[in-house]
Amino acid sequence: LRLVRHQLHQAVGALQMVGHPTSALVIGAMEFGVQSFVQEPARCTDDAVHKMDRAGFAVADYLQALLAGKSVSSVAMFPQYRDVLELVGNERVHPADLWAMPWRWVDVALASSKPALVYDPAVRSKFDREVLKVVKQGDDAAARRLQEICTGLSRGAAVTRVRSFWALSAGFFEALGLSLIPADIYVKRAASRVLLQYATLARSDNAVSDRLAQDLLFFCAQAAPSARDEAATLRAVRAAWGLADEQPVDYLTEQFGRFDPTVLAQARKRI
């Protein structure tokens, strides 16, 4: 197991060297998993080994697709990446971890006929109520109301980073209200974290989480509006961050590494 961990560590370094950080992240998760096997051999069960195998297959499959010149997304490796990190109880697992887009803040000025908003008890009460509906029921109407609140908060923000954060949040909730992204566990967690960020900003603390902002941008990238969707805010966010060509990826369904490469080789020989 120590030898395997060392070889995985070397693979991580090689992938980083040739410019494949997302593949290196998946292999790094495998290395972390093997290290937990070294420390606690009882963790090395048949099921755990199977999940590690599948993660390796996924990375190899993804890299082969790139070498073949196919247009593929590293986010599609998420099911195996998640399974490996769950083996070691890692709490922070998110599909945006495998998104290759480098993070940067962009100033976005949203156009709206609605008045600017400030942090007051009435806004906080409404925000709490609507987020609860989104988290518990995946309520599209509540998401649209949150989009209006976030747009108002963005228009009322004096600090560039805060204004951009609320613009991102408005785009995220608009995408959710239009059902352009699924109300899955990752989306609902993001909505809850926006509420926590509201509480921080309401205390006149202008510290904004880069990690949360990047996760919101990831969901805006996942939400590609069609010509018939009234998604002015989402389009403004996608344009500001240069996401016009981004297409959604089904990050919950295995797309890479579904079959053992040795079994595939045997099948080809038999055919």
C-alpha atoms as a PDB file:
ATOM      1  CA  LEU A   1       0.000   0.000   0.000  1.00  0.00           C
ATOM      2  CA  ARG A   2       2.871   2.396   0.747  1.00  0.00           C
ATOM      3  CA  LEU A   3       4.340   1.643  -2.676  1.00  0.00           C
ATOM      4  CA  VAL A   4       0.967   2.311  -4.315  1.00  0.00           C
ATOM      5  CA  ARG A   5       0.646   5.595  -2.424  1.00  0.00           C
ATOM      6  CA  HIS A   6       4.124   6.622  -3.637  1.00  0.00           C
ATOM      7  CA  GLN A   7       3.288   5.767  -7.252  1.00  0.00           C
ATOM      8  CA  LEU A   8       0.036   7.739  -7.067  1.00  0.00           C
ATOM      9  CA  HIS A   9       1.974  10.687  -5.625  1.00  0.00           C
ATOM     10  CA  GLN A  10       4.333  10.539  -8.627  1.00  0.00           C
ATOM     11  CA  ALA A  11       1.359  10.423 -10.997  1.00  0.00           C
ATOM     12  CA  VAL A  12      -0.091  13.560  -9.364  1.00  0.00           C
ATOM     13  CA  GLY A  13       3.192  15.405  -9.936  1.00  0.00           C
ATOM     14  CA  ALA A  14       3.400  14.262 -13.560  1.00  0.00           C
ATOM     15  CA  LEU A  15      -0.179  15.344 -14.346  1.00  0.00           C
ATOM     16  CA  GLN A  16       0.381  18.740 -12.751  1.00  0.00           C
ATOM     17  CA  MET A  17       3.597  19.161 -14.721  1.00  0.00           C
ATOM     18  CA  VAL A  18       1.848  18.586 -18.069  1.00  0.00           C
ATOM     19  CA  GLY A  19      -1.062  20.890 -17.236  1.00  0.00           C
ATOM     20  CA  HIS A  20      -3.850  18.561 -16.114  1.00  0.00           C
ATOM     21  CA  PRO A  21      -4.660  19.804 -12.581  1.00  0.00           C
ATOM     22  CA  THR A  22      -8.193  18.321 -12.464  1.00  0.00           C
ATOM     23  CA  SER A  23      -6.933  14.820 -13.327  1.00  0.00           C
ATOM     24  CA  ALA A  24      -4.204  15.327 -10.711  1.00  0.00           C
ATOM     25  CA  LEU A  25      -6.907  16.226  -8.178  1.00  0.00           C
ATOM     26  CA  VAL A  26      -8.709  12.896  -8.728  1.00  0.00           C
ATOM     27  CA  ILE A  27      -5.450  10.929  -8.449  1.00  0.00           C
ATOM     28  CA  GLY A  28      -4.591  12.999  -5.365  1.00  0.00           C
ATOM     29  CA  ALA A  29      -7.882  11.903  -3.800  1.00  0.00           C
ATOM     30  CA  MET A  30      -6.889   8.287  -4.537  1.00  0.00           C
ATOM     31  CA  GLU A  31      -3.508   8.883  -2.880  1.00  0.00           C
ATOM     32  CA  PHE A  32      -5.308  10.298   0.167  1.00  0.00           C
ATOM     33  CA  GLY A  33      -7.535   7.205   0.212  1.00  0.00           C
ATOM     34  CA  VAL A  34      -4.593   4.795   0.035  1.00  0.00           C
ATOM     35  CA  GLN A  35      -2.866   6.678   2.851  1.00  0.00           C
ATOM     36  CA  SER A  36      -5.960   6.032   4.994  1.00  0.00           C
ATOM     37  CA  PHE A  37      -5.642   2.304   4.108  1.00  0.00           C
ATOM     38  CA  VAL A  38      -2.009   2.365   5.300  1.00  0.00           C
ATOM     39  CA  GLN A  39      -3.056   3.910   8.613  1.00  0.00           C
ATOM     40  CA  GLU A  40      -6.171   1.743   9.022  1.00  0.00           C
ATOM     41  CA  PRO A  41      -5.904  -1.477   6.951  1.00  0.00           C
ATOM     42  CA  ALA A  42      -9.482  -2.443   7.865  1.00  0.00           C
ATOM     43  CA  ARG A  43     -10.634   0.375   5.570  1.00  0.00           C
ATOM     44  CA  CYS A  44      -9.217  -1.499   2.565  1.00  0.00           C
ATOM     45  CA  THR A  45     -12.383  -3.477   1.785  1.00  0.00           C
ATOM     46  CA  ASP A  46     -13.465  -4.966  -1.554  1.00  0.00           C
ATOM     47  CA  ASP A  47     -15.935  -2.104  -1.999  1.00  0.00           C
ATOM     48  CA  ALA A  48     -13.273   0.524  -1.278  1.00  0.00           C
ATOM     49  CA  VAL A  49     -10.839  -1.067  -3.729  1.00  0.00           C
ATOM     50  CA  HIS A  50     -13.579  -1.198  -6.375  1.00  0.00           C
ATOM     51  CA  LYS A  51     -14.220   2.547  -5.961  1.00  0.00           C
ATOM     52  CA  MET A  52     -10.495   3.302  -6.221  1.00  0.00           C
ATOM     53  CA  ASP A  53     -10.307   1.181  -9.377  1.00  0.00           C
ATOM     54  CA  ARG A  54     -13.226   3.051 -10.942  1.00  0.00           C
ATOM     55  CA  ALA A  55     -11.565   6.397 -10.215  1.00  0.00           C
ATOM     56  CA  GLY A  56      -8.385   5.249 -11.961  1.00  0.00           C
ATOM     57  CA  PHE A  57     -10.395   4.005 -14.936  1.00  0.00           C
ATOM     58  CA  ALA A  58     -12.194   7.374 -15.140  1.00  0.00           C
ATOM     59  CA  VAL A  59      -8.955   9.376 -15.248  1.00  0.00           C
ATOM     60  CA  ALA A  60      -7.451   7.098 -17.908  1.00  0.00           C
ATOM     61  CA  ASP A  61     -10.652   7.239 -19.965  1.00  0.00           C
ATOM     62  CA  TYR A  62     -10.804  11.052 -19.688  1.00  0.00           C
ATOM     63  CA  LEU A  63      -7.158  11.487 -20.726  1.00  0.00           C
ATOM     64  CA  GLN A  64      -7.610   9.107 -23.672  1.00  0.00           C
ATOM     65  CA  ALA A  65     -10.612  11.157 -24.810  1.00  0.00           C
ATOM     66  CA  LEU A  66      -8.482  14.329 -24.669  1.00  0.00           C
ATOM     67  CA  LEU A  67      -5.696  12.644 -26.643  1.00  0.00           C
ATOM     68  CA  ALA A  68      -8.252  11.604 -29.243  1.00  0.00           C
ATOM     69  CA  GLY A  69      -9.196  15.260 -29.683  1.00  0.00           C
ATOM     70  CA  LYS A  70     -12.672  14.958 -28.161  1.00  0.00           C
ATOM     71  CA  SER A  71     -14.352  17.886 -26.437  1.00  0.00           C
ATOM     72  CA  VAL A  72     -14.892  16.550 -22.915  1.00  0.00           C
ATOM     73  CA  SER A  73     -15.320  18.109 -19.478  1.00  0.00           C
ATOM     74  CA  SER A  74     -13.259  17.139 -16.438  1.00  0.00           C
ATOM     75  CA  VAL A  75     -16.410  17.714 -14.333  1.00  0.00           C
ATOM     76  CA  ALA A  76     -17.710  14.396 -15.715  1.00  0.00           C
ATOM     77  CA  MET A  77     -15.173  12.583 -13.465  1.00  0.00           C
ATOM     78  CA  PHE A  78     -17.034  13.852 -10.404  1.00  0.00           C
ATOM     79  CA  PRO A  79     -18.959  10.628  -9.497  1.00  0.00           C
ATOM     80  CA  GLN A  80     -15.714   8.674  -9.016  1.00  0.00           C
ATOM     81  CA  TYR A  81     -13.934  11.620  -7.345  1.00  0.00           C
ATOM     82  CA  ARG A  82     -16.825  11.940  -4.875  1.00  0.00           C
ATOM     83  CA  ASP A  83     -16.843   8.196  -4.120  1.00  0.00           C
ATOM     84  CA  VAL A  84     -13.127   8.182  -3.310  1.00  0.00           C
ATOM     85  CA  LEU A  85     -13.285  11.227  -1.027  1.00  0.00           C
ATOM     86  CA  GLU A  86     -16.325   9.817   0.765  1.00  0.00           C
ATOM     87  CA  LEU A  87     -14.221   6.755   1.649  1.00  0.00           C
ATOM     88  CA  VAL A  88     -12.068   8.957   3.873  1.00  0.00           C
ATOM     89  CA  GLY A  89     -14.924  11.111   5.179  1.00  0.00           C
ATOM     90  CA  ASN A  90     -13.949  14.303   3.371  1.00  0.00           C
ATOM     91  CA  GLU A  91     -16.708  16.846   4.036  1.00  0.00           C
ATOM     92  CA  ARG A  92     -15.888  19.218   1.174  1.00  0.00           C
ATOM     93  CA  VAL A  93     -16.799  17.440  -2.084  1.00  0.00           C
ATOM     94  CA  HIS A  94     -18.230  19.566  -4.877  1.00  0.00           C
ATOM     95  CA  PRO A  95     -18.451  19.216  -8.686  1.00  0.00           C
ATOM     96  CA  ALA A  96     -16.905  22.686  -9.033  1.00  0.00           C
ATOM     97  CA  ASP A  97     -13.663  21.185  -7.633  1.00  0.00           C
ATOM     98  CA  LEU A  98     -13.109  19.600 -11.068  1.00  0.00           C
ATOM     99  CA  TRP A  99     -14.097  22.674 -13.074  1.00  0.00           C
ATOM    100  CA  ALA A 100     -11.060  24.001 -14.924  1.00  0.00           C
ATOM    101  CA  MET A 101     -12.212  27.657 -14.937  1.00  0.00           C
ATOM    102  CA  PRO A 102      -9.723  29.819 -12.982  1.00  0.00           C
ATOM    103  CA  TRP A 103     -11.467  32.027 -10.430  1.00  0.00           C
ATOM    104  CA  ARG A 104     -11.479  35.829 -10.715  1.00  0.00           C
ATOM    105  CA  TRP A 105     -13.758  38.599  -9.501  1.00  0.00           C
ATOM    106  CA  VAL A 106     -15.593  40.622 -12.160  1.00  0.00           C
ATOM    107  CA  ASP A 107     -17.638  43.769 -11.565  1.00  0.00           C
ATOM    108  CA  VAL A 108     -21.214  43.275 -12.812  1.00  0.00           C
ATOM    109  CA  ALA A 109     -23.803  46.054 -12.865  1.00  0.00           C
ATOM    110  CA  LEU A 110     -27.298  44.581 -13.082  1.00  0.00           C
ATOM    111  CA  ALA A 111     -30.069  46.526 -14.777  1.00  0.00           C
ATOM    112  CA  SER A 112     -33.394  46.464 -12.916  1.00  0.00           C
ATOM    113  CA  SER A 113     -36.471  48.596 -12.423  1.00  0.00           C
ATOM    114  CA  LYS A 114     -36.665  47.433  -8.797  1.00  0.00           C
ATOM    115  CA  PRO A 115     -35.155  49.614  -6.032  1.00  0.00           C
ATOM    116  CA  ALA A 116     -31.797  48.888  -4.424  1.00  0.00           C
ATOM    117  CA  LEU A 117     -31.974  47.040  -1.099  1.00  0.00           C
ATOM    118  CA  VAL A 118     -30.100  47.333   2.174  1.00  0.00           C
ATOM    119  CA  TYR A 119     -29.610  44.798   4.966  1.00  0.00           C
ATOM    120  CA  ASP A 120     -32.576  45.186   7.288  1.00  0.00           C
ATOM    121  CA  PRO A 121     -34.760  42.813   9.366  1.00  0.00           C
ATOM    122  CA  ALA A 122     -37.540  42.704   6.739  1.00  0.00           C
ATOM    123  CA  VAL A 123     -35.131  41.659   3.961  1.00  0.00           C
ATOM    124  CA  ARG A 124     -33.451  39.108   6.245  1.00  0.00           C
ATOM    125  CA  SER A 125     -36.819  37.602   7.221  1.00  0.00           C
ATOM    126  CA  LYS A 126     -37.880  37.241   3.600  1.00  0.00           C
ATOM    127  CA  PHE A 127     -34.487  35.839   2.620  1.00  0.00           C
ATOM    128  CA  ASP A 128     -34.676  33.210   5.388  1.00  0.00           C
ATOM    129  CA  ARG A 129     -38.189  32.204   4.374  1.00  0.00           C
ATOM    130  CA  GLU A 130     -37.445  31.858   0.662  1.00  0.00           C
ATOM    131  CA  VAL A 131     -34.172  29.956   1.144  1.00  0.00           C
ATOM    132  CA  LEU A 132     -36.001  27.498   3.418  1.00  0.00           C
ATOM    133  CA  LYS A 133     -38.532  26.853   0.632  1.00  0.00           C
ATOM    134  CA  VAL A 134     -35.731  26.268  -1.872  1.00  0.00           C
ATOM    135  CA  VAL A 135     -33.837  23.895   0.432  1.00  0.00           C
ATOM    136  CA  LYS A 136     -36.872  21.917   1.621  1.00  0.00           C
ATOM    137  CA  GLN A 137     -39.043  21.879  -1.508  1.00  0.00           C
ATOM    138  CA  GLY A 138     -36.871  23.052  -4.421  1.00  0.00           C
ATOM    139  CA  ASP A 139     -39.478  25.824  -4.900  1.00  0.00           C
ATOM    140  CA  ASP A 140     -38.961  27.571  -8.285  1.00  0.00           C
ATOM    141  CA  ALA A 141     -41.115  30.570  -7.316  1.00  0.00           C
ATOM    142  CA  ALA A 142     -39.093  31.080  -4.128  1.00  0.00           C
ATOM    143  CA  ALA A 143     -35.897  30.986  -6.194  1.00  0.00           C
ATOM    144  CA  ARG A 144     -37.264  33.717  -8.471  1.00  0.00           C
ATOM    145  CA  ARG A 145     -38.103  35.876  -5.466  1.00  0.00           C
ATOM    146  CA  LEU A 146     -34.572  35.335  -4.139  1.00  0.00           C
ATOM    147  CA  GLN A 147     -33.237  36.453  -7.507  1.00  0.00           C
ATOM    148  CA  GLU A 148     -35.085  39.764  -7.104  1.00  0.00           C
ATOM    149  CA  ILE A 149     -33.724  40.233  -3.560  1.00  0.00           C
ATOM    150  CA  CYS A 150     -30.148  39.477  -4.667  1.00  0.00           C
ATOM    151  CA  THR A 151     -30.478  41.884  -7.600  1.00  0.00           C
ATOM    152  CA  GLY A 152     -31.626  44.601  -5.187  1.00  0.00           C
ATOM    153  CA  LEU A 153     -28.730  43.883  -2.804  1.00  0.00           C
ATOM    154  CA  SER A 154     -26.272  44.003  -5.709  1.00  0.00           C
ATOM    155  CA  ARG A 155     -27.608  47.379  -6.811  1.00  0.00           C
ATOM    156  CA  GLY A 156     -27.345  48.685  -3.248  1.00  0.00           C
ATOM    157  CA  ALA A 157     -23.764  47.457  -2.627  1.00  0.00           C
ATOM    158  CA  ALA A 158     -20.963  50.043  -2.581  1.00  0.00           C
ATOM    159  CA  VAL A 159     -18.088  47.521  -2.527  1.00  0.00           C
ATOM    160  CA  THR A 160     -17.234  45.966  -5.920  1.00  0.00           C
ATOM    161  CA  ARG A 161     -16.700  42.436  -4.604  1.00  0.00           C
ATOM    162  CA  VAL A 162     -19.983  42.500  -2.661  1.00  0.00           C
ATOM    163  CA  ARG A 163     -21.843  43.827  -5.702  1.00  0.00           C
ATOM    164  CA  SER A 164     -20.377  41.022  -7.823  1.00  0.00           C
ATOM    165  CA  PHE A 165     -21.273  38.394  -5.224  1.00  0.00           C
ATOM    166  CA  TRP A 166     -24.929  39.418  -5.168  1.00  0.00           C
ATOM    167  CA  ALA A 167     -24.992  39.529  -8.981  1.00  0.00           C
ATOM    168  CA  LEU A 168     -23.676  35.942  -9.021  1.00  0.00           C
ATOM    169  CA  SER A 169     -26.277  34.943  -6.444  1.00  0.00           C
ATOM    170  CA  ALA A 170     -29.018  36.568  -8.544  1.00  0.00           C
ATOM    171  CA  GLY A 171     -27.868  34.645 -11.627  1.00  0.00           C
ATOM    172  CA  PHE A 172     -27.736  31.414  -9.615  1.00  0.00           C
ATOM    173  CA  PHE A 173     -31.260  31.810  -8.226  1.00  0.00           C
ATOM    174  CA  GLU A 174     -32.598  32.844 -11.639  1.00  0.00           C
ATOM    175  CA  ALA A 175     -31.150  29.648 -13.143  1.00  0.00           C
ATOM    176  CA  LEU A 176     -32.778  27.641 -10.360  1.00  0.00           C
ATOM    177  CA  GLY A 177     -36.110  29.440 -10.787  1.00  0.00           C
ATOM    178  CA  LEU A 178     -36.088  28.616 -14.509  1.00  0.00           C
ATOM    179  CA  SER A 179     -35.183  24.938 -13.790  1.00  0.00           C
ATOM    180  CA  LEU A 180     -31.949  25.312 -15.769  1.00  0.00           C
ATOM    181  CA  ILE A 181     -30.100  23.569 -12.932  1.00  0.00           C
ATOM    182  CA  PRO A 182     -31.443  20.689 -10.805  1.00  0.00           C
ATOM    183  CA  ALA A 183     -32.338  21.332  -7.164  1.00  0.00           C
ATOM    184  CA  ASP A 184     -29.838  18.681  -6.041  1.00  0.00           C
ATOM    185  CA  ILE A 185     -27.927  18.555  -2.758  1.00  0.00           C
ATOM    186  CA  TYR A 186     -25.061  20.711  -4.087  1.00  0.00           C
ATOM    187  CA  VAL A 187     -27.420  23.435  -5.305  1.00  0.00           C
ATOM    188  CA  LYS A 188     -29.340  23.436  -2.021  1.00  0.00           C
ATOM    189  CA  ARG A 189     -26.132  23.656  -0.003  1.00  0.00           C
ATOM    190  CA  ALA A 190     -25.062  26.634  -2.112  1.00  0.00           C
ATOM    191  CA  ALA A 191     -28.389  28.355  -1.374  1.00  0.00           C
ATOM    192  CA  SER A 192     -27.862  27.790   2.368  1.00  0.00           C
ATOM    193  CA  ARG A 193     -24.329  29.179   2.163  1.00  0.00           C
ATOM    194  CA  VAL A 194     -25.627  32.327   0.400  1.00  0.00           C
ATOM    195  CA  LEU A 195     -27.834  32.869   3.457  1.00  0.00           C
ATOM    196  CA  LEU A 196     -24.806  32.523   5.758  1.00  0.00           C
ATOM    197  CA  GLN A 197     -22.924  35.015   3.601  1.00  0.00           C
ATOM    198  CA  TYR A 198     -25.868  37.410   3.909  1.00  0.00           C
ATOM    199  CA  ALA A 199     -25.508  37.237   7.700  1.00  0.00           C
ATOM    200  CA  THR A 200     -21.805  38.117   7.442  1.00  0.00           C
ATOM    201  CA  LEU A 201     -22.409  41.076   5.133  1.00  0.00           C
ATOM    202  CA  ALA A 202     -25.300  42.323   7.280  1.00  0.00           C
ATOM    203  CA  ARG A 203     -22.775  42.770  10.134  1.00  0.00           C
ATOM    204  CA  SER A 204     -20.866  45.268   7.932  1.00  0.00           C
ATOM    205  CA  ASP A 205     -18.171  42.651   7.341  1.00  0.00           C
ATOM    206  CA  ASN A 206     -17.397  42.853   3.613  1.00  0.00           C
ATOM    207  CA  ALA A 207     -15.403  39.584   3.536  1.00  0.00           C
ATOM    208  CA  VAL A 208     -16.865  37.435   0.752  1.00  0.00           C
ATOM    209  CA  SER A 209     -16.033  33.754   0.246  1.00  0.00           C
ATOM    210  CA  ASP A 210     -14.126  33.149  -3.008  1.00  0.00           C
ATOM    211  CA  ARG A 211     -15.041  29.462  -2.746  1.00  0.00           C
ATOM    212  CA  LEU A 212     -18.762  30.177  -2.544  1.00  0.00           C
ATOM    213  CA  ALA A 213     -18.573  32.703  -5.370  1.00  0.00           C
ATOM    214  CA  GLN A 214     -16.797  30.167  -7.591  1.00  0.00           C
ATOM    215  CA  ASP A 215     -19.414  27.514  -6.774  1.00  0.00           C
ATOM    216  CA  LEU A 216     -22.183  29.949  -7.742  1.00  0.00           C
ATOM    217  CA  LEU A 217     -20.362  30.768 -10.973  1.00  0.00           C
ATOM    218  CA  PHE A 218     -20.087  27.030 -11.678  1.00  0.00           C
ATOM    219  CA  PHE A 219     -23.860  26.671 -11.446  1.00  0.00           C
ATOM    220  CA  CYS A 220     -24.330  29.716 -13.690  1.00  0.00           C
ATOM    221  CA  ALA A 221     -22.028  27.992 -16.194  1.00  0.00           C
ATOM    222  CA  GLN A 222     -24.124  24.817 -15.901  1.00  0.00           C
ATOM    223  CA  ALA A 223     -27.282  26.797 -16.716  1.00  0.00           C
ATOM    224  CA  ALA A 224     -27.291  27.493 -20.452  1.00  0.00           C
ATOM    225  CA  PRO A 225     -30.448  29.548 -21.197  1.00  0.00           C
ATOM    226  CA  SER A 226     -32.255  29.002 -24.490  1.00  0.00           C
ATOM    227  CA  ALA A 227     -33.612  31.796 -26.680  1.00  0.00           C
ATOM    228  CA  ARG A 228     -37.058  31.478 -25.083  1.00  0.00           C
ATOM    229  CA  ASP A 229     -35.793  31.778 -21.478  1.00  0.00           C
ATOM    230  CA  GLU A 230     -36.169  35.220 -19.886  1.00  0.00           C
ATOM    231  CA  ALA A 231     -32.838  35.086 -18.097  1.00  0.00           C
ATOM    232  CA  ALA A 232     -31.389  38.589 -18.368  1.00  0.00           C
ATOM    233  CA  THR A 233     -29.493  38.355 -15.070  1.00  0.00           C
ATOM    234  CA  LEU A 234     -28.035  34.929 -15.825  1.00  0.00           C
ATOM    235  CA  ARG A 235     -26.976  36.088 -19.289  1.00  0.00           C
ATOM    236  CA  ALA A 236     -25.316  39.175 -17.787  1.00  0.00           C
ATOM    237  CA  VAL A 237     -23.316  36.981 -15.383  1.00  0.00           C
ATOM    238  CA  ARG A 238     -22.341  34.495 -18.104  1.00  0.00           C
ATOM    239  CA  ALA A 239     -21.248  37.341 -20.390  1.00  0.00           C
ATOM    240  CA  ALA A 240     -19.235  39.101 -17.663  1.00  0.00           C
ATOM    241  CA  TRP A 241     -17.247  35.945 -16.863  1.00  0.00           C
ATOM    242  CA  GLY A 242     -16.948  34.795 -20.488  1.00  0.00           C
ATOM    243  CA  LEU A 243     -19.161  31.723 -20.125  1.00  0.00           C
ATOM    244  CA  ALA A 244     -21.192  32.146 -23.308  1.00  0.00           C
ATOM    245  CA  ASP A 245     -19.922  28.850 -24.754  1.00  0.00           C
ATOM    246  CA  GLU A 246     -20.184  26.801 -21.539  1.00  0.00           C
ATOM    247  CA  GLN A 247     -22.542  23.835 -21.731  1.00  0.00           C
ATOM    248  CA  PRO A 248     -24.070  21.817 -18.867  1.00  0.00           C
ATOM    249  CA  VAL A 249     -22.467  18.568 -17.718  1.00  0.00           C
ATOM    250  CA  ASP A 250     -24.349  15.739 -15.997  1.00  0.00           C
ATOM    251  CA  TYR A 251     -22.000  15.502 -13.005  1.00  0.00           C
ATOM    252  CA  LEU A 252     -24.090  12.902 -11.143  1.00  0.00           C
ATOM    253  CA  THR A 253     -23.948  10.185 -13.836  1.00  0.00           C
ATOM    254  CA  GLU A 254     -20.787   8.187 -14.571  1.00  0.00           C
ATOM    255  CA  GLN A 255     -19.513   8.981 -18.059  1.00  0.00           C
ATOM    256  CA  PHE A 256     -15.859   7.930 -17.853  1.00  0.00           C
ATOM    257  CA  GLY A 257     -14.368   4.674 -16.647  1.00  0.00           C
ATOM    258  CA  ARG A 258     -17.585   2.699 -16.641  1.00  0.00           C
ATOM    259  CA  PHE A 259     -15.755  -0.461 -17.765  1.00  0.00           C
ATOM    260  CA  ASP A 260     -12.483  -2.105 -16.764  1.00  0.00           C
ATOM    261  CA  PRO A 261      -9.953  -1.384 -19.589  1.00  0.00           C
ATOM    262  CA  THR A 262      -8.630  -4.978 -19.465  1.00  0.00           C
ATOM    263  CA  VAL A 263     -12.162  -6.326 -19.965  1.00  0.00           C
ATOM    264  CA  LEU A 264     -12.638  -3.951 -22.903  1.00  0.00           C
ATOM    265  CA  ALA A 265      -9.357  -5.156 -24.455  1.00  0.00           C
ATOM    266  CA  GLN A 266     -10.474  -8.786 -24.128  1.00  0.00           C
ATOM    267  CA  ALA A 267     -13.850  -7.957 -25.671  1.00  0.00           C
ATOM    268  CA  ARG A 268     -12.189  -6.272 -28.662  1.00  0.00           C
ATOM    269  CA  LYS A 269      -9.955  -9.313 -29.226  1.00  0.00           C
ATOM    270  CA  ARG A 270     -12.933 -11.660 -29.119  1.00  0.00           C
ATOM    271  CA  ILE A 271     -14.915  -9.486 -31.531  1.00  0.00           C
END
